[in-house]
Amino acid sequence: MSVERPGKAWVRPVRLWCGLTLFGYLITHFSNHALGLVSLATLEAGRIWFLALWRNPVAETALFGSLLVHWLLGLWLIYRRRTLRMPAWEATQILFGLAIPPLLAYHLAGTRLANAMYGTTDLYTRLILNMLQDPWVNARTSSLFLIAWIHGCIGIHFWLRVRPWYPRVFPIVLTSFVLLPVLAALGVGEAAREVSALARDPGFAKQLLAETRSPVGAQRAELVGIRDLVFWTTWALLGLTLAARVVRDSVLRRTQVRIRYFDGSEVQIPAGWSVLDASRHAGIPHASVCGGRGRCSTCRIRVAGDPSLLPEPAPLERRVLERIGAPPNVRLACQLRPTTDLFVTPLLPPNAQVQAAHAVMSSRSGGHERDIAVLFADLRGFTRLAEHKLPYDVVFILNRYFEAVGSAVALAGGMANQYTGDGVMALFGIESEPQTACRQALIAAGGMVNRVNELGRVLSGELESPFRIGIGIHTGRVVVGEMGYGETRYLTAVGDSVNTASRLEGATKEYDCELVVSEKVFARAGIDPADYPRAELTLRNREATLRVVLVNDAEQLAERIAALSSRTPGPDDSSSGSIPATKASPPLHA
């Protein structure tokens, strides 16, 4: 749905508050109807309190003012829409909203207008008797209240669903949405049984009409004339709104803007349309949890090119973008009305749920380059072990293994973000400096070895040989961001440094050691590698060889780094806790 330009930002808030006023009226009206479950007398007694609440000058002005403003602003928003293609729930809400005024004209003529013009007392007994005598009156009145209630419930639900707390209270809200009209209908039904019994008296109806001063003759004809005037005026205003749309579209089509999507789709739209309008008009699936009202961020897109060339975001859009921490090239599709050709990429899948509206799009998830440390670990010989185990045992052992290595990574300050088979990938430095990240990765490696060894001792009765783990660590510049599809998006990293760390993990098999680390990691961690054996690796797709450090005791190295980190660095730090050197293996060609 198109959303207002900066000068019209007040339209939706005003219409929302008017709608809430009308919904409050419906709640009290239905609650009054439910009193009929007690008795007809209780229903009439509740009517006195209901009228005291709503027929005083202040409340009645607010009520009818809200009704008029809500309806007129609804027509304005229909005019403002660039396309009539929309989700089913939104179409239902609009159609039901359009049906309310014509139906309401009949109800108002027989109640409030009759009371104001001729002093008619609109008792529930009189109204129910009229419904019993004329099935069309019953159908119109029942349809009016049901349509108005559904229209309001849809509006309330899609207004609140983007609030983080709403899922917790949704069962209560849904129960109220269903239970209140059901109780109201049952209350009116029970009251109708009493009225039907009273109506068996031949003189009851005539006496009731006289006591309530029901309009007759010319009075009734005048009310019918006013009713018909309101009825046809509502449809005339709707017709004028639709005609104005046709005139406006014919003028806007003179200036065309082209929207190109990442999948190759291309849409020509008139100037003034939003990107979400373009997607809906062309039938391109595009997420929009709030229906394009600018309340969520699920329709957000990344725009190629210079962000300064785009129209400035209106206050409504700016607030949402600031809340999610969006970079300058990310905009809301429902708010961005391009004036030039654009190339856009929707950032969420078309089936994105409301949870995506709560997600914060910081630099962590938006995609950026960063120097981090990457760790890969693999459990040696697990494939052979799994061949002789039941599936349940395999899953149990793997989960215990992932718990051991994942907790070691988390304790060191890293993030284990991929578990593949018996392999683990962990990232360090997402929110810290590269020097700290490298130390954290080395400490995590020692913790992983320690916990895997302990796990092997606990499961010794289930294993043919002790657990062994191989770990590779490298540092460098990678692209970090949320990747994946749908609900399986997660923070990860891609780049040459990731591939290198994976190959270093594989090199632990050739060198028969626990840990293979690039010299760059040691340098950034502030550790002198002179006490450790070293080698040069030739890796695929790399022209230069990579100098690496071979560690046979990752736990001792972790203890050394922890000791260095716990005191002020000194001249002897490079040699403290050193590991005896061993002869390096020959270069490995990976």
Foldseek 3Di string as FASTA:
>chain_A
DAEDDQVCNVLVVLLVVLLVLQVVLLLLVLVLLLLLVVPLVSSQVSVVVSCVVQVDPVNVCSNVVSVVSNLVSLLVVVLLALDPQFDPLVVLLSVLNLPQQLLVLVVCLQDVVCCVPPVFHPRLLLLLVVCVVDVVSVVSVVSNSVSSLSSSLSVVCLVCLLPPCCVVCVVVSVCCSPVSNVSSVVSSVSHSVVSVVVVVPVCRNVVSCVVRVGDDDPSSVVSVVSSVVSNVVSVVSSVVSVVSSVVVQVVQVVAWAWEAEPVGDIFIDGQPQFQVSRCSVVVNQAADSSGLHLPFQQRKKFWDDDLVQFPDFHPSFVVRCVQQQHDSRIGHRSGGGGPYYIYIYRPADSPADSVNRVHRNHLQAVKDKDKWKKKKKAKPPVVVLVVPDDPVVNVVLLVQLCVQLQVLLVVLPWHFDDCDRRMTMIIFDSPHHHLSRLLSVLLSLLSSQVSQQVSQVVCVVSDPDRIAMAMFMEIDMWMWHWDDHHPPTDIDTDDPRNVVRVVQSVCCVVQVARYKYFVVSCVSNVEDLPQFEKAWEAEPPDPGTTIITGHRRSNLVSVLSVVCVVDPDDPCSRPPSGDHYDYGDYYYYD
